[in-house]
């Protein structure tokens, strides 16, 4: 990750979460396969992985504008359940589940733990370096509210003074409102912040359009 220096130093560096700070161990398909096997269902991991990304890319943004905050966790759950159900349907094994809702509950909870995630090797040195320079750090993510549990499980929470997620704001990157909500938390202008993320459209173009210095980091996709 880039290291600021001298007059180039921002007041705040925002980062995306999944795909930037940490990624899936192996592949989503491998994890779906492993959890499904514990429920007596088997399907090729490569087929599940392909089906998952087709469904994920076709899904609407995970943002629920004008929703009662108390209902958001349930809406997040339903959003992911639809993707998982369609993934196994597309893989041709959905009918093998004796109780798909029970399986999905286990799958959903699994992704709230540290087990399926891997922190990228350059992340901790960068976070420690920025913190030592007195730079505030924040997260801007289109992930759901399980992100708080994942950050805690990966021992990353202490690095960040703000976490802003799409489901809480009601709009997803690249919509400018998500970036603006993050800036407001730190009471800074866009030119005083950087944003680093792995999506050219959501992170780089989204942040640049608001006036932040945008940095696109390209990770290997599992």
Foldseek 3Di string as FASTA:
>chain_A
DDDDDDPRAFQEEEEAPEQTFKYFDPAPLVLLQVLVVVQVFHFDSVLLRVLLVVLVVPADQLFAPPDDVVCSVVSLLVSVLVSNLRSCVSRPTNVVGPDSVVSSVVVVVVVLAQVGMDGDPVNPVRLVNCVVVNHAYEYQYSHGPSVVSNCVNVVNVVSHPYYFYRHVQRHAFLPQSSVVVVCVVVVDQQCSYEYEYADCRRFVVSSVVRPHHYHHDHDDHD
